[in-house]
Amino acid sequence: MTAMSLDLLIRGGTVVDGTRSPRFDADVGIRGERIVAIGDLADHTATDVLDAQGLIVAPGFIDAHTHDDQAVLSQADMSFKVSPR
């Protein structure tokens, strides 16, 4: 993989990707609001770097757990829970 400059580099976490595949150790590279690389990103640079060693990284995971019981009835798509802003 060609080295690139990232906005955020999450180093050394254990990735759980939601596909039911076994978890694996990897770095996760983000540019803008998108994941652009997952793997050994040792040669990449980033504006911000987070050390995730010993932590779970779940790229794209959305935690829909809520106590907004009425909201699911009035706004069934729950878009306010998944909007990036």
Protein backbone atom coordinates (compact mmCIF):
# COMPACT_ATOMS: atom_id res chain seq x y z
CA MET A 1 0.00 0.00 0.00
CA THR A 2 1.37 3.39 -0.97
CA ALA A 3 1.95 5.71 1.98
CA MET A 4 -0.52 8.55 2.25
CA SER A 5 -1.28 11.50 4.45
CA LEU A 6 -4.35 11.04 6.63
CA ASP A 7 -6.44 13.25 8.84
CA LEU A 8 -6.65 10.62 11.57
CA LEU A 9 -4.67 7.44 12.11
CA ILE A 10 -5.90 4.97 14.71
CA ARG A 11 -2.90 2.77 15.48
CA GLY A 12 -2.71 -0.74 16.85
CA GLY A 13 -6.33 -1.45 17.72
CA THR A 14 -8.20 -4.70 17.41
CA VAL A 15 -10.67 -4.31 14.56
CA VAL A 16 -14.15 -5.79 14.79
CA ASP A 17 -15.70 -5.02 11.40
CA GLY A 18 -19.23 -6.36 11.81
CA THR A 19 -18.90 -9.03 9.11
CA ARG A 20 -18.68 -11.89 11.63
CA SER A 21 -15.07 -12.41 10.57
CA PRO A 22 -12.59 -12.95 13.38
CA ARG A 23 -11.26 -9.77 14.97
CA PHE A 24 -7.80 -8.69 13.83
CA ASP A 25 -5.13 -6.19 14.84
CA ALA A 26 -4.76 -3.29 12.40
CA ASP A 27 -4.40 0.44 11.96
CA VAL A 28 -7.33 2.45 10.58
CA GLY A 29 -6.74 5.50 8.38
CA ILE A 30 -9.34 8.25 7.96
CA ARG A 31 -9.38 11.15 5.54
CA GLY A 32 -12.28 13.58 5.82
CA GLU A 33 -15.26 11.55 6.97
CA ARG A 34 -14.19 8.31 5.27
CA ILE A 35 -12.16 5.29 6.22
CA VAL A 36 -9.58 5.06 3.44
CA ALA A 37 -7.25 2.31 4.70
CA ILE A 38 -7.20 -0.59 7.13
CA GLY A 39 -4.10 -2.68 7.77
CA ASP A 40 -0.46 -2.03 8.55
CA LEU A 41 -0.23 1.73 8.05
CA ALA A 42 3.20 2.18 9.64
CA ASP A 43 4.44 4.24 6.65
CA HIS A 44 1.47 6.62 6.69
CA THR A 45 1.40 10.05 8.31
CA ALA A 46 -1.56 11.81 9.89
CA THR A 47 -2.58 15.12 11.39
CA ASP A 48 -3.87 13.29 14.47
CA VAL A 49 -2.82 9.86 15.74
CA LEU A 50 -4.68 7.83 18.36
CA ASP A 51 -3.05 4.90 20.13
CA ALA A 52 -5.71 2.17 20.27
CA GLN A 53 -3.47 -0.63 21.50
CA GLY A 54 -5.51 -2.87 23.79
CA LEU A 55 -8.77 -1.32 22.56
CA ILE A 56 -11.47 -2.42 20.12
CA VAL A 57 -11.91 -0.37 16.96
CA ALA A 58 -15.24 -0.85 15.18
CA PRO A 59 -15.08 1.10 11.89
CA GLY A 60 -18.46 2.35 10.80
CA PHE A 61 -20.20 0.99 13.88
CA ILE A 62 -23.33 2.84 14.86
CA ASP A 63 -24.58 2.43 18.40
CA ALA A 64 -28.34 2.65 18.04
CA HIS A 65 -28.99 1.96 21.71
CA THR A 66 -31.16 4.71 23.02
CA HIS A 67 -33.68 5.65 25.64
CA ASP A 68 -35.52 7.86 23.13
CA ASP A 69 -38.46 5.46 23.02
CA GLN A 70 -40.83 8.05 21.58
CA ALA A 71 -38.35 9.12 18.91
CA VAL A 72 -38.54 5.80 17.09
CA LEU A 73 -42.28 6.38 16.70
CA SER A 74 -42.04 10.00 15.56
CA GLN A 75 -38.81 9.68 13.50
CA ALA A 76 -38.66 6.02 12.49
CA ASP A 77 -35.55 6.41 10.31
CA MET A 78 -33.65 7.63 13.42
CA SER A 79 -31.50 9.81 11.12
CA PHE A 80 -30.62 12.10 14.02
CA LYS A 81 -28.78 9.14 15.58
CA VAL A 82 -26.61 8.42 12.53
CA SER A 83 -25.91 11.88 11.15
CA PRO A 84 -22.23 12.87 11.25
CA ARG A 85 -23.14 16.24 12.73
